[in-house]
PDB file of N, CA and C in Angstrom:
ATOM      1  N   MET A   1      38.670  18.513   3.629  1.00  0.00           N
ATOM      2  CA  MET A   1      38.268  18.851   4.970  1.00  0.00           C
ATOM      3  C   MET A   1      38.959  17.881   5.932  1.00  0.00           C
ATOM      4  N   LYS A   2      39.584  18.438   6.962  1.00  0.00           N
ATOM      5  CA  LYS A   2      40.229  17.593   7.974  1.00  0.00           C
ATOM      6  C   LYS A   2      39.244  17.270   9.088  1.00  0.00           C
ATOM      7  N   VAL A   3      39.330  16.018   9.566  1.00  0.00           N
ATOM      8  CA  VAL A   3      38.485  15.527  10.645  1.00  0.00           C
ATOM      9  C   VAL A   3      39.377  14.810  11.650  1.00  0.00           C
ATOM     10  N   ALA A   4      39.159  15.064  12.946  1.00  0.00           N
ATOM     11  CA  ALA A   4      39.951  14.430  14.003  1.00  0.00           C
ATOM     12  C   ALA A   4      39.077  13.479  14.819  1.00  0.00           C
ATOM     13  N   PHE A   5      39.704  12.431  15.330  1.00  0.00           N
ATOM     14  CA  PHE A   5      39.028  11.421  16.148  1.00  0.00           C
ATOM     15  C   PHE A   5      39.826  11.239  17.434  1.00  0.00           C
ATOM     16  N   SER A   6      39.199  11.447  18.598  1.00  0.00           N
ATOM     17  CA  SER A   6      39.903  11.253  19.868  1.00  0.00           C
ATOM     18  C   SER A   6      40.114   9.752  20.072  1.00  0.00           C
ATOM     19  N   THR A   7      41.355   9.385  20.381  1.00  0.00           N
ATOM     20  CA  THR A   7      41.677   7.963  20.434  1.00  0.00           C
ATOM     21  C   THR A   7      42.850   7.693  21.370  1.00  0.00           C
ATOM     22  N   THR A   8      42.844   6.517  21.965  1.00  0.00           N
ATOM     23  CA  THR A   8      44.001   6.090  22.756  1.00  0.00           C
ATOM     24  C   THR A   8      44.835   5.064  21.995  1.00  0.00           C
ATOM     25  N   ASP A   9      44.194   4.389  21.032  1.00  0.00           N
ATOM     26  CA  ASP A   9      44.887   3.307  20.333  1.00  0.00           C
ATOM     27  C   ASP A   9      44.996   3.504  18.825  1.00  0.00           C
ATOM     28  N   GLY A  10      44.448   4.599  18.299  1.00  0.00           N
ATOM     29  CA  GLY A  10      44.498   4.843  16.868  1.00  0.00           C
ATOM     30  C   GLY A  10      43.474   4.053  16.074  1.00  0.00           C
ATOM     31  N   ILE A  11      42.656   3.271  16.744  1.00  0.00           N
ATOM     32  CA  ILE A  11      41.667   2.409  16.090  1.00  0.00           C
ATOM     33  C   ILE A  11      40.240   2.776  16.493  1.00  0.00           C
ATOM     34  N   HIS A  12      40.060   3.123  17.766  1.00  0.00           N
ATOM     35  CA  HIS A  12      38.733   3.400  18.315  1.00  0.00           C
ATOM     36  C   HIS A  12      38.603   4.860  18.739  1.00  0.00           C
ATOM     37  N   ILE A  13      37.386   5.359  18.695  1.00  0.00           N
ATOM     38  CA  ILE A  13      37.056   6.663  19.282  1.00  0.00           C
ATOM     39  C   ILE A  13      36.723   6.347  20.735  1.00  0.00           C
ATOM     40  N   ASP A  14      37.598   6.729  21.637  1.00  0.00           N
ATOM     41  CA  ASP A  14      37.433   6.252  23.006  1.00  0.00           C
ATOM     42  C   ASP A  14      37.898   7.224  24.080  1.00  0.00           C
ATOM     43  N   GLU A  15      37.845   8.516  23.787  1.00  0.00           N
ATOM     44  CA  GLU A  15      38.335   9.444  24.800  1.00  0.00           C
ATOM     45  C   GLU A  15      37.541  10.743  24.827  1.00  0.00           C
ATOM     46  N   HIS A  16      37.502  11.333  26.003  1.00  0.00           N
ATOM     47  CA  HIS A  16      36.908  12.635  26.282  1.00  0.00           C
ATOM     48  C   HIS A  16      37.842  13.699  25.697  1.00  0.00           C
ATOM     49  N   PHE A  17      37.300  14.786  25.209  1.00  0.00           N
ATOM     50  CA  PHE A  17      38.110  15.819  24.566  1.00  0.00           C
ATOM     51  C   PHE A  17      39.283  16.274  25.439  1.00  0.00           C
ATOM     52  N   GLY A  18      39.003  16.686  26.653  1.00  0.00           N
ATOM     53  CA  GLY A  18      40.052  17.221  27.512  1.00  0.00           C
ATOM     54  C   GLY A  18      41.118  16.203  27.880  1.00  0.00           C
ATOM     55  N   ARG A  19      40.718  14.951  28.097  1.00  0.00           N
ATOM     56  CA  ARG A  19      41.667  13.903  28.479  1.00  0.00           C
ATOM     57  C   ARG A  19      42.466  13.356  27.314  1.00  0.00           C
ATOM     58  N   ALA A  20      41.956  13.524  26.103  1.00  0.00           N
ATOM     59  CA  ALA A  20      42.567  12.884  24.934  1.00  0.00           C
ATOM     60  C   ALA A  20      44.004  13.356  24.722  1.00  0.00           C
ATOM     61  N   GLY A  21      44.906  12.411  24.710  1.00  0.00           N
ATOM     62  CA  GLY A  21      46.303  12.717  24.435  1.00  0.00           C
ATOM     63  C   GLY A  21      46.623  12.623  22.959  1.00  0.00           C
ATOM     64  N   ARG A  22      45.706  12.005  22.199  1.00  0.00           N
ATOM     65  CA  ARG A  22      45.964  11.824  20.768  1.00  0.00           C
ATOM     66  C   ARG A  22      44.675  11.946  19.972  1.00  0.00           C
ATOM     67  N   PHE A  23      44.812  12.540  18.791  1.00  0.00           N
ATOM     68  CA  PHE A  23      43.711  12.640  17.835  1.00  0.00           C
ATOM     69  C   PHE A  23      44.216  12.115  16.501  1.00  0.00           C
ATOM     70  N   ALA A  24      43.518  11.116  15.960  1.00  0.00           N
ATOM     71  CA  ALA A  24      43.818  10.634  14.611  1.00  0.00           C
ATOM     72  C   ALA A  24      43.177  11.624  13.645  1.00  0.00           C
ATOM     73  N   VAL A  25      43.956  12.119  12.688  1.00  0.00           N
ATOM     74  CA  VAL A  25      43.468  13.138  11.761  1.00  0.00           C
ATOM     75  C   VAL A  25      43.366  12.548  10.357  1.00  0.00           C
ATOM     76  N   TYR A  26      42.218  12.788   9.722  1.00  0.00           N
ATOM     77  CA  TYR A  26      41.952  12.308   8.370  1.00  0.00           C
ATOM     78  C   TYR A  26      41.628  13.491   7.474  1.00  0.00           C
ATOM     79  N   GLU A  27      41.979  13.360   6.204  1.00  0.00           N
ATOM     80  CA  GLU A  27      41.614  14.347   5.186  1.00  0.00           C
ATOM     81  C   GLU A  27      40.508  13.730   4.325  1.00  0.00           C
ATOM     82  N   PHE A  28      39.380  14.430   4.228  1.00  0.00           N
ATOM     83  CA  PHE A  28      38.247  13.974   3.424  1.00  0.00           C
ATOM     84  C   PHE A  28      38.152  14.829   2.173  1.00  0.00           C
ATOM     85  N   THR A  29      37.960  14.170   1.031  1.00  0.00           N
ATOM     86  CA  THR A  29      37.710  14.854  -0.231  1.00  0.00           C
ATOM     87  C   THR A  29      36.411  14.286  -0.801  1.00  0.00           C
ATOM     88  N   ALA A  30      36.027  14.734  -1.961  1.00  0.00           N
ATOM     89  CA  ALA A  30      34.802  14.242  -2.590  1.00  0.00           C
ATOM     90  C   ALA A  30      34.899  12.770  -2.975  1.00  0.00           C
ATOM     91  N   VAL A  31      36.115  12.256  -3.118  1.00  0.00           N
ATOM     92  CA  VAL A  31      36.277  10.878  -3.589  1.00  0.00           C
ATOM     93  C   VAL A  31      36.749   9.896  -2.522  1.00  0.00           C
ATOM     94  N   GLY A  32      37.070  10.366  -1.325  1.00  0.00           N
ATOM     95  CA  GLY A  32      37.521   9.444  -0.299  1.00  0.00           C
ATOM     96  C   GLY A  32      38.203  10.149   0.849  1.00  0.00           C
ATOM     97  N   PHE A  33      38.899   9.358   1.666  1.00  0.00           N
ATOM     98  CA  PHE A  33      39.600   9.922   2.810  1.00  0.00           C
ATOM     99  C   PHE A  33      40.904   9.173   3.030  1.00  0.00           C
ATOM    100  N   VAL A  34      41.841   9.863   3.663  1.00  0.00           N
ATOM    101  CA  VAL A  34      43.150   9.287   3.948  1.00  0.00           C
ATOM    102  C   VAL A  34      43.587   9.764   5.330  1.00  0.00           C
ATOM    103  N   ARG A  35      44.264   8.885   6.049  1.00  0.00           N
ATOM    104  CA  ARG A  35      44.759   9.251   7.374  1.00  0.00           C
ATOM    105  C   ARG A  35      46.039  10.066   7.234  1.00  0.00           C
ATOM    106  N   LEU A  36      46.086  11.155   7.984  1.00  0.00           N
ATOM    107  CA  LEU A  36      47.261  12.008   8.040  1.00  0.00           C
ATOM    108  C   LEU A  36      48.023  11.716   9.328  1.00  0.00           C
ATOM    109  N   GLU A  37      48.962  12.558   9.664  1.00  0.00           N
ATOM    110  CA  GLU A  37      49.717  12.385  10.903  1.00  0.00           C
ATOM    111  C   GLU A  37      48.825  12.715  12.102  1.00  0.00           C
ATOM    112  N   ASP A  38      48.915  11.889  13.146  1.00  0.00           N
ATOM    113  CA  ASP A  38      48.149  12.137  14.366  1.00  0.00           C
ATOM    114  C   ASP A  38      48.627  13.417  15.046  1.00  0.00           C
ATOM    115  N   LYS A  39      47.718  14.052  15.756  1.00  0.00           N
ATOM    116  CA  LYS A  39      48.096  15.189  16.612  1.00  0.00           C
ATOM    117  C   LYS A  39      48.206  14.630  18.017  1.00  0.00           C
ATOM    118  N   VAL A  40      49.415  14.667  18.561  1.00  0.00           N
ATOM    119  CA  VAL A  40      49.685  14.062  19.865  1.00  0.00           C
ATOM    120  C   VAL A  40      49.974  15.158  20.881  1.00  0.00           C
ATOM    121  N   PHE A  41      49.195  15.141  21.955  1.00  0.00           N
ATOM    122  CA  PHE A  41      49.361  16.106  23.043  1.00  0.00           C
ATOM    123  C   PHE A  41      50.089  15.476  24.218  1.00  0.00           C
ATOM    124  N   ALA A  42      49.974  14.168  24.365  1.00  0.00           N
ATOM    125  CA  ALA A  42      50.601  13.451  25.467  1.00  0.00           C
ATOM    126  C   ALA A  42      50.544  11.958  25.175  1.00  0.00           C
ATOM    127  N   GLU A  43      51.436  11.219  25.771  1.00  0.00           N
ATOM    128  CA  GLU A  43      51.335   9.757  25.719  1.00  0.00           C
ATOM    129  C   GLU A  43      50.290   9.371  26.750  1.00  0.00           C
ATOM    130  N   GLY A  44      49.236   8.710  26.303  1.00  0.00           N
ATOM    131  CA  GLY A  44      48.132   8.398  27.204  1.00  0.00           C
ATOM    132  C   GLY A  44      47.234   9.612  27.361  1.00  0.00           C
ATOM    133  N   ARG A  45      46.838   9.885  28.592  1.00  0.00           N
ATOM    134  CA  ARG A  45      45.934  10.998  28.853  1.00  0.00           C
ATOM    135  C   ARG A  45      46.685  12.329  28.881  1.00  0.00           C
ATOM    136  N   ASP A  46      45.970  13.391  28.510  1.00  0.00           N
ATOM    137  CA  ASP A  46      46.550  14.733  28.488  1.00  0.00           C
ATOM    138  C   ASP A  46      46.536  15.319  29.897  1.00  0.00           C
ATOM    139  N   ILE A  47      47.618  15.069  30.621  1.00  0.00           N
ATOM    140  CA  ILE A  47      47.732  15.518  32.009  1.00  0.00           C
ATOM    141  C   ILE A  47      47.756  17.049  32.093  1.00  0.00           C
ATOM    142  N   ASN A  48      48.263  17.707  31.066  1.00  0.00           N
ATOM    143  CA  ASN A  48      48.325  19.162  31.065  1.00  0.00           C
ATOM    144  C   ASN A  48      46.929  19.774  31.222  1.00  0.00           C
ATOM    145  N   VAL A  49      45.943  19.189  30.559  1.00  0.00           N
ATOM    146  CA  VAL A  49      44.569  19.681  30.687  1.00  0.00           C
ATOM    147  C   VAL A  49      43.935  19.139  31.963  1.00  0.00           C
ATOM    148  N   GLU A  50      44.095  17.851  32.209  1.00  0.00           N
ATOM    149  CA  GLU A  50      43.465  17.219  33.382  1.00  0.00           C
ATOM    150  C   GLU A  50      43.929  17.815  34.707  1.00  0.00           C
ATOM    151  N   SER A  51      45.218  18.029  34.841  1.00  0.00           N
ATOM    152  CA  SER A  51      45.774  18.472  36.130  1.00  0.00           C
ATOM    153  C   SER A  51      45.471  19.935  36.434  1.00  0.00           C
ATOM    154  N   THR A  52      45.020  20.695  35.447  1.00  0.00           N
ATOM    155  CA  THR A  52      44.724  22.110  35.682  1.00  0.00           C
ATOM    156  C   THR A  52      43.233  22.377  35.893  1.00  0.00           C
ATOM    157  N   LYS A  53      42.425  21.306  35.817  1.00  0.00           N
ATOM    158  CA  LYS A  53      40.979  21.481  36.000  1.00  0.00           C
ATOM    159  C   LYS A  53      40.706  22.115  37.367  1.00  0.00           C
ATOM    160  N   GLY A  54      39.902  23.168  37.359  1.00  0.00           N
ATOM    161  CA  GLY A  54      39.592  23.871  38.602  1.00  0.00           C
ATOM    162  C   GLY A  54      40.561  25.003  38.912  1.00  0.00           C
ATOM    163  N   PHE A  55      41.540  25.218  38.041  1.00  0.00           N
ATOM    164  CA  PHE A  55      42.532  26.270  38.256  1.00  0.00           C
ATOM    165  C   PHE A  55      42.330  27.458  37.309  1.00  0.00           C
ATOM    166  N   GLY A  56      41.075  27.716  36.959  1.00  0.00           N
ATOM    167  CA  GLY A  56      40.712  28.903  36.209  1.00  0.00           C
ATOM    168  C   GLY A  56      41.507  29.150  34.948  1.00  0.00           C
ATOM    169  N   GLU A  57      42.245  30.249  34.944  1.00  0.00           N
ATOM    170  CA  GLU A  57      42.961  30.690  33.752  1.00  0.00           C
ATOM    171  C   GLU A  57      44.000  29.671  33.281  1.00  0.00           C
ATOM    172  N   LEU A  58      44.630  28.991  34.216  1.00  0.00           N
ATOM    173  CA  LEU A  58      45.622  27.974  33.857  1.00  0.00           C
ATOM    174  C   LEU A  58      44.964  26.861  33.032  1.00  0.00           C
ATOM    175  N   HIS A  59      43.786  26.431  33.482  1.00  0.00           N
ATOM    176  CA  HIS A  59      43.044  25.402  32.754  1.00  0.00           C
ATOM    177  C   HIS A  59      42.554  25.933  31.407  1.00  0.00           C
ATOM    178  N   ASP A  60      42.037  27.145  31.407  1.00  0.00           N
ATOM    179  CA  ASP A  60      41.570  27.762  30.165  1.00  0.00           C
ATOM    180  C   ASP A  60      42.691  27.822  29.133  1.00  0.00           C
ATOM    181  N   ASP A  61      43.886  28.185  29.575  1.00  0.00           N
ATOM    182  CA  ASP A  61      45.032  28.255  28.664  1.00  0.00           C
ATOM    183  C   ASP A  61      45.363  26.889  28.080  1.00  0.00           C
ATOM    184  N   ALA A  62      45.301  25.842  28.919  1.00  0.00           N
ATOM    185  CA  ALA A  62      45.602  24.485  28.451  1.00  0.00           C
ATOM    186  C   ALA A  62      44.571  24.024  27.424  1.00  0.00           C
ATOM    187  N   VAL A  63      43.292  24.283  27.691  1.00  0.00           N
ATOM    188  CA  VAL A  63      42.233  23.892  26.761  1.00  0.00           C
ATOM    189  C   VAL A  63      42.335  24.709  25.477  1.00  0.00           C
ATOM    190  N   ASN A  64      42.577  26.001  25.610  1.00  0.00           N
ATOM    191  CA  ASN A  64      42.704  26.854  24.421  1.00  0.00           C
ATOM    192  C   ASN A  64      43.855  26.411  23.533  1.00  0.00           C
ATOM    193  N   ALA A  65      44.951  25.974  24.129  1.00  0.00           N
ATOM    194  CA  ALA A  65      46.089  25.495  23.340  1.00  0.00           C
ATOM    195  C   ALA A  65      45.690  24.262  22.529  1.00  0.00           C
ATOM    196  N   LYS A  66      44.916  23.368  23.141  1.00  0.00           N
ATOM    197  CA  LYS A  66      44.450  22.168  22.441  1.00  0.00           C
ATOM    198  C   LYS A  66      43.500  22.549  21.311  1.00  0.00           C
ATOM    199  N   VAL A  67      42.565  23.433  21.601  1.00  0.00           N
ATOM    200  CA  VAL A  67      41.611  23.891  20.587  1.00  0.00           C
ATOM    201  C   VAL A  67      42.361  24.522  19.415  1.00  0.00           C
ATOM    202  N   ASP A  68      43.336  25.369  19.715  1.00  0.00           N
ATOM    203  CA  ASP A  68      44.105  26.026  18.650  1.00  0.00           C
ATOM    204  C   ASP A  68      44.832  25.014  17.767  1.00  0.00           C
ATOM    205  N   MET A  69      45.403  23.971  18.370  1.00  0.00           N
ATOM    206  CA  MET A  69      46.133  22.964  17.585  1.00  0.00           C
ATOM    207  C   MET A  69      45.210  22.117  16.725  1.00  0.00           C
ATOM    208  N   LEU A  70      43.938  22.055  17.099  1.00  0.00           N
ATOM    209  CA  LEU A  70      42.973  21.257  16.336  1.00  0.00           C
ATOM    210  C   LEU A  70      42.090  22.117  15.425  1.00  0.00           C
ATOM    211  N   SER A  71      42.337  23.412  15.399  1.00  0.00           N
ATOM    212  CA  SER A  71      41.433  24.320  14.696  1.00  0.00           C
ATOM    213  C   SER A  71      41.463  24.179  13.176  1.00  0.00           C
ATOM    214  N   ASP A  72      42.437  23.438  12.622  1.00  0.00           N
ATOM    215  CA  ASP A  72      42.427  23.203  11.176  1.00  0.00           C
ATOM    216  C   ASP A  72      41.497  22.055  10.803  1.00  0.00           C
ATOM    217  N   CYS A  73      40.970  21.362  11.810  1.00  0.00           N
ATOM    218  CA  CYS A  73      39.988  20.299  11.572  1.00  0.00           C
ATOM    219  C   CYS A  73      38.596  20.931  11.598  1.00  0.00           C
ATOM    220  N   LYS A  74      37.698  20.417  10.792  1.00  0.00           N
ATOM    221  CA  LYS A  74      36.338  20.954  10.740  1.00  0.00           C
ATOM    222  C   LYS A  74      35.367  20.173  11.613  1.00  0.00           C
ATOM    223  N   ILE A  75      35.708  18.915  11.905  1.00  0.00           N
ATOM    224  CA  ILE A  75      34.867  18.062  12.747  1.00  0.00           C
ATOM    225  C   ILE A  75      35.794  17.294  13.678  1.00  0.00           C
ATOM    226  N   ILE A  76      35.371  17.116  14.934  1.00  0.00           N
ATOM    227  CA  ILE A  76      36.112  16.283  15.875  1.00  0.00           C
ATOM    228  C   ILE A  76      35.133  15.299  16.497  1.00  0.00           C
ATOM    229  N   TYR A  77      35.444  14.021  16.353  1.00  0.00           N
ATOM    230  CA  TYR A  77      34.665  12.955  16.979  1.00  0.00           C
ATOM    231  C   TYR A  77      35.284  12.659  18.339  1.00  0.00           C
ATOM    232  N   LEU A  78      34.421  12.504  19.356  1.00  0.00           N
ATOM    233  CA  LEU A  78      34.880  12.236  20.708  1.00  0.00           C
ATOM    234  C   LEU A  78      33.775  11.554  21.492  1.00  0.00           C
ATOM    235  N   THR A  79      34.094  11.088  22.703  1.00  0.00           N
ATOM    236  CA  THR A  79      33.071  10.413  23.502  1.00  0.00           C
ATOM    237  C   THR A  79      32.334  11.381  24.422  1.00  0.00           C
ATOM    238  N   MET A  80      33.017  12.416  24.875  1.00  0.00           N
ATOM    239  CA  MET A  80      32.408  13.418  25.754  1.00  0.00           C
ATOM    240  C   MET A  80      33.155  14.734  25.573  1.00  0.00           C
ATOM    241  N   ILE A  81      32.448  15.827  25.880  1.00  0.00           N
ATOM    242  CA  ILE A  81      33.074  17.150  25.861  1.00  0.00           C
ATOM    243  C   ILE A  81      32.233  18.058  26.747  1.00  0.00           C
ATOM    244  N   GLY A  82      32.898  18.894  27.512  1.00  0.00           N
ATOM    245  CA  GLY A  82      32.201  19.858  28.342  1.00  0.00           C
ATOM    246  C   GLY A  82      31.690  21.022  27.501  1.00  0.00           C
ATOM    247  N   GLY A  83      30.684  21.704  28.008  1.00  0.00           N
ATOM    248  CA  GLY A  83      30.093  22.822  27.301  1.00  0.00           C
ATOM    249  C   GLY A  83      31.083  23.918  26.927  1.00  0.00           C
ATOM    250  N   PRO A  84      31.932  24.365  27.881  1.00  0.00           N
ATOM    251  CA  PRO A  84      32.887  25.422  27.536  1.00  0.00           C
ATOM    252  C   PRO A  84      33.867  25.012  26.429  1.00  0.00           C
ATOM    253  N   SER A  85      34.338  23.768  26.460  1.00  0.00           N
ATOM    254  CA  SER A  85      35.259  23.303  25.411  1.00  0.00           C
ATOM    255  C   SER A  85      34.549  23.214  24.073  1.00  0.00           C
ATOM    256  N   ALA A  86      33.311  22.724  24.086  1.00  0.00           N
ATOM    257  CA  ALA A  86      32.528  22.646  22.843  1.00  0.00           C
ATOM    258  C   ALA A  86      32.327  24.038  22.263  1.00  0.00           C
ATOM    259  N   ALA A  87      32.036  25.008  23.114  1.00  0.00           N
ATOM    260  CA  ALA A  87      31.837  26.376  22.646  1.00  0.00           C
ATOM    261  C   ALA A  87      33.117  26.940  22.035  1.00  0.00           C
ATOM    262  N   ARG A  88      34.254  26.627  22.638  1.00  0.00           N
ATOM    263  CA  ARG A  88      35.537  27.095  22.086  1.00  0.00           C
ATOM    264  C   ARG A  88      35.772  26.523  20.696  1.00  0.00           C
ATOM    265  N   LEU A  89      35.472  25.228  20.525  1.00  0.00           N
ATOM    266  CA  LEU A  89      35.650  24.602  19.212  1.00  0.00           C
ATOM    267  C   LEU A  89      34.731  25.240  18.181  1.00  0.00           C
ATOM    268  N   VAL A  90      33.466  25.376  18.526  1.00  0.00           N
ATOM    269  CA  VAL A  90      32.488  25.932  17.589  1.00  0.00           C
ATOM    270  C   VAL A  90      32.883  27.354  17.186  1.00  0.00           C
ATOM    271  N   LYS A  91      33.385  28.119  18.142  1.00  0.00           N
ATOM    272  CA  LYS A  91      33.824  29.488  17.848  1.00  0.00           C
ATOM    273  C   LYS A  91      34.951  29.496  16.809  1.00  0.00           C
ATOM    274  N   LYS A  92      35.764  28.421  16.785  1.00  0.00           N
ATOM    275  CA  LYS A  92      36.853  28.292  15.806  1.00  0.00           C
ATOM    276  C   LYS A  92      36.385  27.650  14.503  1.00  0.00           C
ATOM    277  N   GLY A  93      35.081  27.317  14.420  1.00  0.00           N
ATOM    278  CA  GLY A  93      34.550  26.705  13.206  1.00  0.00           C
ATOM    279  C   GLY A  93      34.695  25.194  13.170  1.00  0.00           C
ATOM    280  N   VAL A  94      34.851  24.581  14.355  1.00  0.00           N
ATOM    281  CA  VAL A  94      35.023  23.130  14.471  1.00  0.00           C
ATOM    282  C   VAL A  94      33.778  22.546  15.134  1.00  0.00           C
ATOM    283  N   MET A  95      33.191  21.517  14.524  1.00  0.00           N
ATOM    284  CA  MET A  95      31.987  20.897  15.064  1.00  0.00           C
ATOM    285  C   MET A  95      32.348  19.642  15.860  1.00  0.00           C
ATOM    286  N   PRO A  96      32.101  19.627  17.184  1.00  0.00           N
ATOM    287  CA  PRO A  96      32.324  18.403  17.961  1.00  0.00           C
ATOM    288  C   PRO A  96      31.144  17.454  17.785  1.00  0.00           C
ATOM    289  N   ILE A  97      31.444  16.171  17.606  1.00  0.00           N
ATOM    290  CA  ILE A  97      30.406  15.154  17.461  1.00  0.00           C
ATOM    291  C   ILE A  97      30.668  14.052  18.489  1.00  0.00           C
ATOM    292  N   LYS A  98      29.701  13.863  19.383  1.00  0.00           N
ATOM    293  CA  LYS A  98      29.829  12.815  20.398  1.00  0.00           C
ATOM    294  C   LYS A  98      29.318  11.492  19.830  1.00  0.00           C
ATOM    295  N   VAL A  99      30.101  10.437  20.081  1.00  0.00           N
ATOM    296  CA  VAL A  99      29.720   9.091  19.661  1.00  0.00           C
ATOM    297  C   VAL A  99      29.906   8.133  20.835  1.00  0.00           C
ATOM    298  N   LYS A 100      29.354   6.947  20.683  1.00  0.00           N
ATOM    299  CA  LYS A 100      29.479   5.918  21.702  1.00  0.00           C
ATOM    300  C   LYS A 100      30.943   5.499  21.839  1.00  0.00           C
ATOM    301  N   GLU A 101      31.421   5.368  23.058  1.00  0.00           N
ATOM    302  CA  GLU A 101      32.800   4.974  23.295  1.00  0.00           C
ATOM    303  C   GLU A 101      33.090   3.612  22.661  1.00  0.00           C
ATOM    304  N   GLY A 102      34.227   3.531  21.979  1.00  0.00           N
ATOM    305  CA  GLY A 102      34.666   2.279  21.386  1.00  0.00           C
ATOM    306  C   GLY A 102      34.320   2.128  19.920  1.00  0.00           C
ATOM    307  N   GLU A 103      33.614   3.105  19.355  1.00  0.00           N
ATOM    308  CA  GLU A 103      33.298   3.029  17.928  1.00  0.00           C
ATOM    309  C   GLU A 103      34.599   3.040  17.121  1.00  0.00           C
ATOM    310  N   TYR A 104      34.621   2.259  16.074  1.00  0.00           N
ATOM    311  CA  TYR A 104      35.800   2.208  15.211  1.00  0.00           C
ATOM    312  C   TYR A 104      35.930   3.493  14.408  1.00  0.00           C
ATOM    313  N   ILE A 105      37.135   4.046  14.373  1.00  0.00           N
ATOM    314  CA  ILE A 105      37.397   5.246  13.589  1.00  0.00           C
ATOM    315  C   ILE A 105      37.067   4.998  12.129  1.00  0.00           C
ATOM    316  N   GLU A 106      37.502   3.869  11.604  1.00  0.00           N
ATOM    317  CA  GLU A 106      37.284   3.553  10.189  1.00  0.00           C
ATOM    318  C   GLU A 106      35.796   3.519   9.856  1.00  0.00           C
ATOM    319  N   LYS A 107      34.984   2.957  10.744  1.00  0.00           N
ATOM    320  CA  LYS A 107      33.534   2.889  10.529  1.00  0.00           C
ATOM    321  C   LYS A 107      32.935   4.296  10.532  1.00  0.00           C
ATOM    322  N   ALA A 108      33.332   5.113  11.500  1.00  0.00           N
ATOM    323  CA  ALA A 108      32.826   6.487  11.566  1.00  0.00           C
ATOM    324  C   ALA A 108      33.255   7.277  10.327  1.00  0.00           C
ATOM    325  N   ALA A 109      34.479   7.050   9.858  1.00  0.00           N
ATOM    326  CA  ALA A 109      34.975   7.743   8.663  1.00  0.00           C
ATOM    327  C   ALA A 109      34.169   7.334   7.431  1.00  0.00           C
ATOM    328  N   GLN A 110      33.863   6.044   7.300  1.00  0.00           N
ATOM    329  CA  GLN A 110      33.072   5.576   6.163  1.00  0.00           C
ATOM    330  C   GLN A 110      31.665   6.162   6.207  1.00  0.00           C
ATOM    331  N   GLU A 111      31.073   6.229   7.406  1.00  0.00           N
ATOM    332  CA  GLU A 111      29.733   6.807   7.544  1.00  0.00           C
ATOM    333  C   GLU A 111      29.751   8.298   7.213  1.00  0.00           C
ATOM    334  N   LEU A 112      30.798   8.993   7.644  1.00  0.00           N
ATOM    335  CA  LEU A 112      30.914  10.411   7.316  1.00  0.00           C
ATOM    336  C   LEU A 112      31.057  10.602   5.812  1.00  0.00           C
ATOM    337  N   MET A 113      31.856   9.763   5.179  1.00  0.00           N
ATOM    338  CA  MET A 113      32.042   9.853   3.726  1.00  0.00           C
ATOM    339  C   MET A 113      30.705   9.650   3.008  1.00  0.00           C
ATOM    340  N   ALA A 114      29.913   8.695   3.473  1.00  0.00           N
ATOM    341  CA  ALA A 114      28.597   8.453   2.874  1.00  0.00           C
ATOM    342  C   ALA A 114      27.691   9.674   3.056  1.00  0.00           C
ATOM    343  N   THR A 115      27.767  10.311   4.212  1.00  0.00           N
ATOM    344  CA  THR A 115      26.970  11.507   4.470  1.00  0.00           C
ATOM    345  C   THR A 115      27.408  12.650   3.560  1.00  0.00           C
ATOM    346  N   ILE A 116      28.725  12.826   3.422  1.00  0.00           N
ATOM    347  CA  ILE A 116      29.261  13.879   2.559  1.00  0.00           C
ATOM    348  C   ILE A 116      28.781  13.689   1.119  1.00  0.00           C
ATOM    349  N   ASN A 117      28.794  12.452   0.651  1.00  0.00           N
ATOM    350  CA  ASN A 117      28.394  12.156  -0.726  1.00  0.00           C
ATOM    351  C   ASN A 117      26.886  11.997  -0.894  1.00  0.00           C
ATOM    352  N   GLY A 118      26.165  11.991   0.211  1.00  0.00           N
ATOM    353  CA  GLY A 118      24.712  11.868   0.153  1.00  0.00           C
ATOM    354  C   GLY A 118      24.054  13.220   0.347  1.00  0.00           C
ATOM    355  N   THR A 119      23.317  13.317   1.430  1.00  0.00           N
ATOM    356  CA  THR A 119      22.629  14.560   1.750  1.00  0.00           C
ATOM    357  C   THR A 119      23.110  15.045   3.114  1.00  0.00           C
ATOM    358  N   PRO A 120      24.206  15.783   3.142  1.00  0.00           N
ATOM    359  CA  PRO A 120      24.722  16.256   4.432  1.00  0.00           C
ATOM    360  C   PRO A 120      23.788  17.292   5.048  1.00  0.00           C
ATOM    361  N   PRO A 121      23.750  17.335   6.393  1.00  0.00           N
ATOM    362  CA  PRO A 121      22.927  18.358   7.046  1.00  0.00           C
ATOM    363  C   PRO A 121      23.470  19.754   6.723  1.00  0.00           C
ATOM    364  N   PRO A 122      22.645  20.777   6.885  1.00  0.00           N
ATOM    365  CA  PRO A 122      23.065  22.138   6.526  1.00  0.00           C
ATOM    366  C   PRO A 122      24.388  22.578   7.158  1.00  0.00           C
ATOM    367  N   TRP A 123      24.595  22.264   8.454  1.00  0.00           N
ATOM    368  CA  TRP A 123      25.833  22.698   9.102  1.00  0.00           C
ATOM    369  C   TRP A 123      27.056  22.065   8.438  1.00  0.00           C
ATOM    370  N   MET A 124      26.908  20.819   7.968  1.00  0.00           N
ATOM    371  CA  MET A 124      28.025  20.129   7.328  1.00  0.00           C
ATOM    372  C   MET A 124      28.281  20.679   5.925  1.00  0.00           C
ATOM    373  N   ARG A 125      27.216  21.037   5.230  1.00  0.00           N
ATOM    374  CA  ARG A 125      27.380  21.614   3.874  1.00  0.00           C
ATOM    375  C   ARG A 125      28.236  22.872   3.932  1.00  0.00           C
ATOM    376  N   LYS A 126      28.102  23.639   5.004  1.00  0.00           N
ATOM    377  CA  LYS A 126      28.907  24.856   5.152  1.00  0.00           C
ATOM    378  C   LYS A 126      30.390  24.514   5.321  1.00  0.00           C
ATOM    379  N   LEU A 127      30.678  23.372   5.951  1.00  0.00           N
ATOM    380  CA  LEU A 127      32.063  22.978   6.183  1.00  0.00           C
ATOM    381  C   LEU A 127      32.728  22.420   4.949  1.00  0.00           C
ATOM    382  N   ILE A 128      31.935  21.742   4.114  1.00  0.00           N
ATOM    383  CA  ILE A 128      32.518  21.120   2.927  1.00  0.00           C
ATOM    384  C   ILE A 128      32.279  22.014   1.729  1.00  0.00           C
TER     385      ILE A 128
END
């Protein structure tokens, strides 16, 4: 199962879904996890999504493109996400999880691994 983490530095979960220019992607198996290639939308903040906010279809297209590129991930960790973007992810079978800004990706990955190997909630069991 692939999991993405919104990040500016590759170490911390520290960005809002729409603004995130980079997502660190990990592959989780029953025995562990490994970091894959990051999905990069922009250096720094994703201006393509940010600059179209309030422009209706143009903004929707930018967000949909991001959702489509992340749709192979089953979970995305982020600091914030708007309702419409969250709904788009869920419709693609991706669960957004909000965490406190600055949490370490490695710590969140270890906690997720423990949950996977322990008693995952029903929604997570469907993903794994």
